[in-house]
Amino acid sequence: MLSVNKSILLISFILFFTISCYKSNLKKESNIAGLNDTISAKEFYEMIDQPNTIILDVRTPEEFNKAHVQNALNMNFHDSLNFKSNIEKLDKNKTYLIYCRTDRRSGKTFNLMEQNNFKRFYILKGGSLALKESNKTLSMDTIR
């Protein structure tokens, strides 16, 4: 009887550990970071002028040239040769507001920054489409 209880306890522990590891890996492999790491268009506008804040646009140069948030730094996510090394060169102590068109590329960028021990970085939920749909008018001062 004692050995049956030990076996059940051992199986329960292994099952619990396996599920915990699986859930942990799901977040890491996700394209979009957890909800606490995303900010709304309103929060984006509130944070945009804070000291030591960098606006990181990870769209292609073509998308960037059509329209972008003023003073945004463009790093092409699809530049497979340079993107990762360019991210690694950024100052890890600054705050980064990351956006792309929807938030798929920014989610993957978020994961890369997390792996490289950046301290403060947020994804604009909904990307540039959310900026366009927000209640604030996007003037030439905000988006070019």
N, C-alpha and C. Protein backbone atom coordinates (compact mmCIF):
# COMPACT_ATOMS: atom_id res chain seq x y z
N MET A 1 0.82 -1.19 0.00
CA MET A 1 0.00 0.00 0.00
C MET A 1 0.87 1.26 0.00
N LEU A 2 1.94 1.21 0.81
CA LEU A 2 2.85 2.35 0.89
C LEU A 2 3.53 2.60 -0.45
N SER A 3 3.90 1.55 -1.16
CA SER A 3 4.56 1.72 -2.44
C SER A 3 3.60 2.27 -3.50
N VAL A 4 2.32 1.94 -3.40
CA VAL A 4 1.31 2.49 -4.33
C VAL A 4 1.17 3.98 -4.09
N ASN A 5 1.13 4.41 -2.85
CA ASN A 5 1.04 5.83 -2.52
C ASN A 5 2.27 6.59 -3.01
N LYS A 6 3.44 5.99 -2.83
CA LYS A 6 4.67 6.61 -3.31
C LYS A 6 4.65 6.74 -4.83
N SER A 7 4.16 5.72 -5.51
CA SER A 7 4.08 5.75 -6.98
C SER A 7 3.12 6.84 -7.44
N ILE A 8 1.98 6.94 -6.79
CA ILE A 8 1.00 7.97 -7.15
C ILE A 8 1.60 9.35 -6.91
N LEU A 9 2.26 9.52 -5.78
CA LEU A 9 2.89 10.79 -5.46
C LEU A 9 3.97 11.15 -6.49
N LEU A 10 4.79 10.19 -6.86
CA LEU A 10 5.84 10.41 -7.85
C LEU A 10 5.25 10.77 -9.21
N ILE A 11 4.24 10.05 -9.63
CA ILE A 11 3.59 10.33 -10.93
C ILE A 11 2.96 11.72 -10.90
N SER A 12 2.32 12.08 -9.79
CA SER A 12 1.71 13.40 -9.67
C SER A 12 2.76 14.50 -9.77
N PHE A 13 3.89 14.29 -9.10
CA PHE A 13 4.97 15.27 -9.14
C PHE A 13 5.50 15.43 -10.56
N ILE A 14 5.75 14.33 -11.24
CA ILE A 14 6.27 14.38 -12.62
C ILE A 14 5.28 15.07 -13.53
N LEU A 15 4.00 14.76 -13.39
CA LEU A 15 2.97 15.38 -14.21
C LEU A 15 2.90 16.88 -13.96
N PHE A 16 2.92 17.29 -12.70
CA PHE A 16 2.89 18.71 -12.34
C PHE A 16 4.10 19.45 -12.92
N PHE A 17 5.28 18.86 -12.76
CA PHE A 17 6.52 19.46 -13.26
C PHE A 17 6.48 19.61 -14.78
N THR A 18 6.02 18.58 -15.47
CA THR A 18 5.93 18.60 -16.94
C THR A 18 4.98 19.68 -17.41
N ILE A 19 3.83 19.81 -16.80
CA ILE A 19 2.85 20.83 -17.19
C ILE A 19 3.41 22.22 -16.92
N SER A 20 4.06 22.41 -15.79
CA SER A 20 4.65 23.72 -15.46
C SER A 20 5.70 24.13 -16.48
N CYS A 21 6.56 23.22 -16.86
CA CYS A 21 7.60 23.51 -17.86
C CYS A 21 6.97 23.83 -19.21
N TYR A 22 5.95 23.09 -19.57
CA TYR A 22 5.28 23.31 -20.86
C TYR A 22 4.66 24.69 -20.91
N LYS A 23 3.97 25.10 -19.84
CA LYS A 23 3.34 26.42 -19.81
C LYS A 23 4.38 27.52 -19.86
N SER A 24 5.50 27.32 -19.18
CA SER A 24 6.58 28.31 -19.20
C SER A 24 7.13 28.48 -20.61
N ASN A 25 7.30 27.39 -21.34
CA ASN A 25 7.82 27.46 -22.70
C ASN A 25 6.83 28.06 -23.67
N LEU A 26 5.54 27.92 -23.40
CA LEU A 26 4.54 28.50 -24.29
C LEU A 26 4.70 30.01 -24.37
N LYS A 27 4.91 30.67 -23.24
CA LYS A 27 5.08 32.11 -23.26
C LYS A 27 6.34 32.49 -24.02
N LYS A 28 7.42 31.75 -23.80
CA LYS A 28 8.68 32.08 -24.46
C LYS A 28 8.58 31.90 -25.97
N GLU A 29 7.80 30.94 -26.43
CA GLU A 29 7.70 30.67 -27.85
C GLU A 29 6.61 31.50 -28.52
N SER A 30 5.82 32.18 -27.74
CA SER A 30 4.72 32.97 -28.28
C SER A 30 5.24 34.12 -29.12
N ASN A 31 4.48 34.51 -30.12
CA ASN A 31 4.83 35.66 -30.93
C ASN A 31 4.60 36.95 -30.18
N ILE A 32 3.65 36.95 -29.27
CA ILE A 32 3.29 38.15 -28.55
C ILE A 32 3.54 37.93 -27.08
N ALA A 33 4.16 38.90 -26.45
CA ALA A 33 4.49 38.78 -25.03
C ALA A 33 3.22 38.80 -24.18
N GLY A 34 3.39 38.53 -22.91
CA GLY A 34 2.25 38.53 -22.00
C GLY A 34 1.54 39.87 -21.95
N LEU A 35 0.29 39.86 -21.53
CA LEU A 35 -0.52 41.07 -21.52
C LEU A 35 0.08 42.19 -20.68
N ASN A 36 0.82 41.86 -19.62
CA ASN A 36 1.42 42.88 -18.78
C ASN A 36 2.55 43.61 -19.49
N ASP A 37 3.00 43.09 -20.60
CA ASP A 37 4.12 43.68 -21.34
C ASP A 37 3.65 44.48 -22.55
N THR A 38 2.35 44.57 -22.72
CA THR A 38 1.80 45.35 -23.83
C THR A 38 1.22 46.64 -23.30
N ILE A 39 1.22 47.65 -24.14
CA ILE A 39 0.63 48.93 -23.76
C ILE A 39 -0.36 49.35 -24.84
N SER A 40 -1.36 50.09 -24.44
CA SER A 40 -2.37 50.59 -25.37
C SER A 40 -1.82 51.80 -26.11
N ALA A 41 -2.54 52.23 -27.12
CA ALA A 41 -2.15 53.44 -27.86
C ALA A 41 -2.12 54.64 -26.92
N LYS A 42 -3.08 54.70 -26.00
CA LYS A 42 -3.12 55.81 -25.03
C LYS A 42 -1.86 55.79 -24.16
N GLU A 43 -1.49 54.63 -23.64
CA GLU A 43 -0.28 54.51 -22.81
C GLU A 43 0.97 54.83 -23.63
N PHE A 44 0.97 54.41 -24.89
CA PHE A 44 2.09 54.70 -25.79
C PHE A 44 2.30 56.21 -25.88
N TYR A 45 1.19 56.95 -26.12
CA TYR A 45 1.28 58.41 -26.23
C TYR A 45 1.75 59.04 -24.93
N GLU A 46 1.35 58.45 -23.80
CA GLU A 46 1.76 59.00 -22.50
C GLU A 46 3.24 58.76 -22.24
N MET A 47 3.78 57.67 -22.75
CA MET A 47 5.18 57.31 -22.48
C MET A 47 6.16 57.86 -23.52
N ILE A 48 5.66 58.29 -24.64
CA ILE A 48 6.48 58.61 -25.80
C ILE A 48 7.55 59.67 -25.52
N ASP A 49 7.27 60.63 -24.65
CA ASP A 49 8.21 61.72 -24.39
C ASP A 49 8.96 61.57 -23.07
N GLN A 50 8.86 60.42 -22.44
CA GLN A 50 9.56 60.19 -21.18
C GLN A 50 11.07 60.14 -21.43
N PRO A 51 11.86 60.60 -20.46
CA PRO A 51 13.32 60.55 -20.62
C PRO A 51 13.80 59.11 -20.82
N ASN A 52 14.84 58.96 -21.60
CA ASN A 52 15.47 57.66 -21.86
C ASN A 52 14.53 56.65 -22.50
N THR A 53 13.57 57.14 -23.25
CA THR A 53 12.63 56.26 -23.95
C THR A 53 12.91 56.30 -25.44
N ILE A 54 13.05 55.12 -26.02
CA ILE A 54 13.32 54.96 -27.44
C ILE A 54 12.11 54.31 -28.09
N ILE A 55 11.64 54.89 -29.17
CA ILE A 55 10.55 54.30 -29.95
C ILE A 55 11.21 53.43 -31.01
N LEU A 56 10.93 52.15 -30.97
CA LEU A 56 11.57 51.19 -31.87
C LEU A 56 10.55 50.66 -32.86
N ASP A 57 10.70 51.06 -34.11
CA ASP A 57 9.82 50.63 -35.20
C ASP A 57 10.53 49.48 -35.92
N VAL A 58 9.94 48.28 -35.86
CA VAL A 58 10.60 47.11 -36.44
C VAL A 58 9.99 46.70 -37.78
N ARG A 59 9.36 47.65 -38.45
CA ARG A 59 8.81 47.39 -39.79
C ARG A 59 9.91 47.56 -40.84
N THR A 60 9.57 47.25 -42.06
CA THR A 60 10.53 47.40 -43.16
C THR A 60 10.78 48.88 -43.43
N PRO A 61 11.90 49.23 -44.06
CA PRO A 61 12.15 50.62 -44.41
C PRO A 61 11.05 51.20 -45.31
N GLU A 62 10.47 50.39 -46.17
CA GLU A 62 9.38 50.87 -47.03
C GLU A 62 8.17 51.28 -46.20
N GLU A 63 7.80 50.44 -45.23
CA GLU A 63 6.68 50.78 -44.35
C GLU A 63 7.01 52.02 -43.53
N PHE A 64 8.22 52.07 -43.04
CA PHE A 64 8.67 53.19 -42.21
C PHE A 64 8.60 54.50 -42.99
N ASN A 65 9.04 54.48 -44.24
CA ASN A 65 9.06 55.70 -45.05
C ASN A 65 7.67 56.20 -45.42
N LYS A 66 6.68 55.30 -45.46
CA LYS A 66 5.30 55.72 -45.74
C LYS A 66 4.73 56.53 -44.58
N ALA A 67 4.98 56.07 -43.36
CA ALA A 67 4.49 56.75 -42.15
C ALA A 67 5.16 56.13 -40.95
N HIS A 68 5.57 56.97 -40.02
CA HIS A 68 6.16 56.47 -38.78
C HIS A 68 6.01 57.49 -37.68
N VAL A 69 6.14 57.04 -36.46
CA VAL A 69 6.10 57.93 -35.31
C VAL A 69 7.37 58.76 -35.32
N GLN A 70 7.19 60.06 -35.09
CA GLN A 70 8.33 60.98 -35.10
C GLN A 70 9.40 60.50 -34.12
N ASN A 71 10.64 60.58 -34.53
CA ASN A 71 11.82 60.21 -33.75
C ASN A 71 11.96 58.71 -33.51
N ALA A 72 11.19 57.89 -34.22
CA ALA A 72 11.31 56.44 -34.07
C ALA A 72 12.60 55.96 -34.72
N LEU A 73 13.18 54.94 -34.11
CA LEU A 73 14.35 54.28 -34.65
C LEU A 73 13.86 53.08 -35.44
N ASN A 74 14.23 53.01 -36.72
CA ASN A 74 13.78 51.90 -37.57
C ASN A 74 14.83 50.80 -37.61
N MET A 75 14.42 49.59 -37.23
CA MET A 75 15.25 48.40 -37.35
C MET A 75 14.40 47.34 -38.03
N ASN A 76 14.77 47.01 -39.23
CA ASN A 76 14.00 46.08 -40.06
C ASN A 76 14.06 44.66 -39.50
N PHE A 77 12.94 44.18 -38.97
CA PHE A 77 12.88 42.83 -38.41
C PHE A 77 13.27 41.78 -39.45
N HIS A 78 12.95 42.03 -40.72
CA HIS A 78 13.21 41.06 -41.78
C HIS A 78 14.65 41.09 -42.29
N ASP A 79 15.49 41.95 -41.73
CA ASP A 79 16.91 41.98 -42.09
C ASP A 79 17.62 40.91 -41.27
N SER A 80 17.54 39.67 -41.73
CA SER A 80 18.03 38.53 -40.95
C SER A 80 19.53 38.58 -40.67
N LEU A 81 20.28 39.29 -41.47
CA LEU A 81 21.73 39.37 -41.26
C LEU A 81 22.10 40.32 -40.12
N ASN A 82 21.32 41.39 -39.93
CA ASN A 82 21.73 42.43 -38.99
C ASN A 82 20.79 42.66 -37.81
N PHE A 83 19.56 42.22 -37.91
CA PHE A 83 18.57 42.60 -36.90
C PHE A 83 18.98 42.21 -35.48
N LYS A 84 19.32 40.96 -35.28
CA LYS A 84 19.66 40.49 -33.94
C LYS A 84 20.86 41.24 -33.38
N SER A 85 21.91 41.41 -34.17
CA SER A 85 23.10 42.12 -33.67
C SER A 85 22.80 43.59 -33.40
N ASN A 86 21.92 44.21 -34.21
CA ASN A 86 21.54 45.60 -33.96
C ASN A 86 20.78 45.73 -32.64
N ILE A 87 19.90 44.79 -32.36
CA ILE A 87 19.16 44.80 -31.09
C ILE A 87 20.14 44.64 -29.93
N GLU A 88 21.07 43.73 -30.06
CA GLU A 88 22.04 43.47 -28.99
C GLU A 88 22.92 44.68 -28.68
N LYS A 89 23.09 45.59 -29.66
CA LYS A 89 23.92 46.78 -29.47
C LYS A 89 23.20 47.90 -28.74
N LEU A 90 21.87 47.80 -28.61
CA LEU A 90 21.10 48.85 -27.95
C LEU A 90 21.42 48.92 -26.46
N ASP A 91 21.23 50.10 -25.88
CA ASP A 91 21.45 50.32 -24.44
C ASP A 91 20.37 49.59 -23.65
N LYS A 92 20.74 48.62 -22.86
CA LYS A 92 19.80 47.78 -22.11
C LYS A 92 19.12 48.53 -20.97
N ASN A 93 19.61 49.72 -20.63
CA ASN A 93 19.05 50.48 -19.52
C ASN A 93 17.99 51.49 -19.94
N LYS A 94 17.79 51.66 -21.23
CA LYS A 94 16.76 52.58 -21.71
C LYS A 94 15.42 51.86 -21.77
N THR A 95 14.36 52.64 -21.91
CA THR A 95 13.01 52.08 -22.07
C THR A 95 12.68 52.06 -23.55
N TYR A 96 12.15 50.94 -24.04
CA TYR A 96 11.83 50.78 -25.45
C TYR A 96 10.33 50.57 -25.64
N LEU A 97 9.77 51.35 -26.54
CA LEU A 97 8.38 51.18 -26.96
C LEU A 97 8.45 50.58 -28.36
N ILE A 98 8.08 49.32 -28.49
CA ILE A 98 8.26 48.58 -29.73
C ILE A 98 6.95 48.51 -30.49
N TYR A 99 7.02 48.80 -31.80
CA TYR A 99 5.82 48.62 -32.60
C TYR A 99 6.15 48.18 -34.02
N CYS A 100 5.18 47.53 -34.63
CA CYS A 100 5.23 47.18 -36.05
C CYS A 100 3.84 47.47 -36.60
N ARG A 101 3.41 46.79 -37.61
CA ARG A 101 2.09 47.07 -38.18
C ARG A 101 0.97 46.55 -37.28
N THR A 102 1.08 45.29 -36.84
CA THR A 102 0.02 44.70 -36.02
C THR A 102 0.51 44.40 -34.62
N ASP A 103 1.49 43.64 -34.44
CA ASP A 103 2.27 43.38 -33.22
C ASP A 103 2.93 42.02 -33.25
N ARG A 104 2.93 41.40 -34.41
CA ARG A 104 3.59 40.09 -34.55
C ARG A 104 5.12 40.25 -34.50
N ARG A 105 5.68 41.12 -35.32
CA ARG A 105 7.14 41.33 -35.33
C ARG A 105 7.62 41.94 -34.02
N SER A 106 6.82 42.85 -33.46
CA SER A 106 7.23 43.44 -32.19
C SER A 106 7.20 42.41 -31.07
N GLY A 107 6.29 41.44 -31.13
CA GLY A 107 6.26 40.36 -30.14
C GLY A 107 7.51 39.52 -30.20
N LYS A 108 7.96 39.21 -31.40
CA LYS A 108 9.19 38.43 -31.56
C LYS A 108 10.40 39.26 -31.13
N THR A 109 10.36 40.56 -31.40
CA THR A 109 11.43 41.45 -30.95
C THR A 109 11.47 41.50 -29.43
N PHE A 110 10.29 41.57 -28.83
CA PHE A 110 10.18 41.55 -27.37
C PHE A 110 10.90 40.32 -26.80
N ASN A 111 10.62 39.15 -27.38
CA ASN A 111 11.25 37.91 -26.91
C ASN A 111 12.77 37.98 -27.03
N LEU A 112 13.26 38.55 -28.13
CA LEU A 112 14.69 38.70 -28.33
C LEU A 112 15.29 39.63 -27.27
N MET A 113 14.60 40.72 -26.98
CA MET A 113 15.09 41.66 -25.97
C MET A 113 15.07 41.02 -24.58
N GLU A 114 14.06 40.23 -24.33
CA GLU A 114 13.97 39.52 -23.06
C GLU A 114 15.15 38.56 -22.90
N GLN A 115 15.49 37.84 -23.95
CA GLN A 115 16.62 36.90 -23.93
C GLN A 115 17.95 37.62 -23.72
N ASN A 116 18.01 38.89 -24.13
CA ASN A 116 19.24 39.67 -24.02
C ASN A 116 19.25 40.58 -22.79
N ASN A 117 18.35 40.32 -21.86
CA ASN A 117 18.33 40.99 -20.55
C ASN A 117 18.09 42.50 -20.59
N PHE A 118 17.26 42.96 -21.54
CA PHE A 118 16.85 44.35 -21.50
C PHE A 118 15.95 44.53 -20.28
N LYS A 119 15.93 45.73 -19.72
CA LYS A 119 15.21 45.95 -18.47
C LYS A 119 13.76 46.43 -18.67
N ARG A 120 13.53 47.38 -19.55
CA ARG A 120 12.20 47.97 -19.73
C ARG A 120 11.86 48.06 -21.21
N PHE A 121 10.86 47.29 -21.61
CA PHE A 121 10.46 47.30 -23.01
C PHE A 121 9.01 46.84 -23.10
N TYR A 122 8.28 47.50 -23.99
CA TYR A 122 6.84 47.28 -24.09
C TYR A 122 6.43 47.18 -25.56
N ILE A 123 5.39 46.43 -25.80
CA ILE A 123 4.83 46.29 -27.14
C ILE A 123 3.58 47.15 -27.24
N LEU A 124 3.47 47.89 -28.31
CA LEU A 124 2.25 48.62 -28.60
C LEU A 124 1.21 47.61 -29.08
N LYS A 125 0.21 47.37 -28.26
CA LYS A 125 -0.83 46.39 -28.61
C LYS A 125 -1.57 46.87 -29.86
N GLY A 126 -1.57 46.04 -30.89
CA GLY A 126 -2.24 46.38 -32.14
C GLY A 126 -1.36 47.12 -33.13
N GLY A 127 -0.14 47.47 -32.72
CA GLY A 127 0.82 48.10 -33.62
C GLY A 127 0.38 49.44 -34.18
N SER A 128 0.94 49.78 -35.35
CA SER A 128 0.63 51.07 -35.96
C SER A 128 -0.85 51.17 -36.34
N LEU A 129 -1.49 50.03 -36.57
CA LEU A 129 -2.94 50.07 -36.84
C LEU A 129 -3.70 50.60 -35.64
N ALA A 130 -3.26 50.26 -34.43
CA ALA A 130 -3.90 50.77 -33.21
C ALA A 130 -3.69 52.28 -33.08
N LEU A 131 -2.52 52.77 -33.50
CA LEU A 131 -2.28 54.21 -33.46
C LEU A 131 -3.25 54.94 -34.38
N LYS A 132 -3.44 54.38 -35.56
CA LYS A 132 -4.33 55.00 -36.54
C LYS A 132 -5.78 54.97 -36.07
N GLU A 133 -6.15 53.91 -35.34
CA GLU A 133 -7.53 53.76 -34.88
C GLU A 133 -7.80 54.43 -33.54
N SER A 134 -6.76 54.91 -32.87
CA SER A 134 -6.94 55.53 -31.55
C SER A 134 -7.68 56.84 -31.68
N ASN A 135 -8.19 57.30 -30.57
CA ASN A 135 -8.97 58.54 -30.56
C ASN A 135 -8.12 59.76 -30.87
N LYS A 136 -6.82 59.65 -30.68
CA LYS A 136 -5.94 60.77 -30.98
C LYS A 136 -5.72 60.87 -32.48
N THR A 137 -5.72 62.06 -32.98
CA THR A 137 -5.45 62.28 -34.40
C THR A 137 -3.95 62.16 -34.63
N LEU A 138 -3.58 61.41 -35.62
CA LEU A 138 -2.17 61.29 -35.95
C LEU A 138 -1.79 62.41 -36.90
N SER A 139 -1.16 63.42 -36.34
CA SER A 139 -0.75 64.56 -37.15
C SER A 139 0.66 64.32 -37.67
N MET A 140 1.13 65.20 -38.49
CA MET A 140 2.49 65.10 -39.02
C MET A 140 3.52 65.19 -37.88
N ASP A 141 3.14 65.79 -36.75
CA ASP A 141 4.04 65.87 -35.62
C ASP A 141 4.19 64.52 -34.92
N THR A 142 3.16 63.66 -35.04
CA THR A 142 3.19 62.38 -34.37
C THR A 142 3.64 61.27 -35.30
N ILE A 143 3.15 61.29 -36.51
CA ILE A 143 3.49 60.24 -37.46
C ILE A 143 3.87 60.88 -38.79
N ARG A 144 4.93 60.38 -39.37
CA ARG A 144 5.39 60.89 -40.67
C ARG A 144 5.27 59.81 -41.69
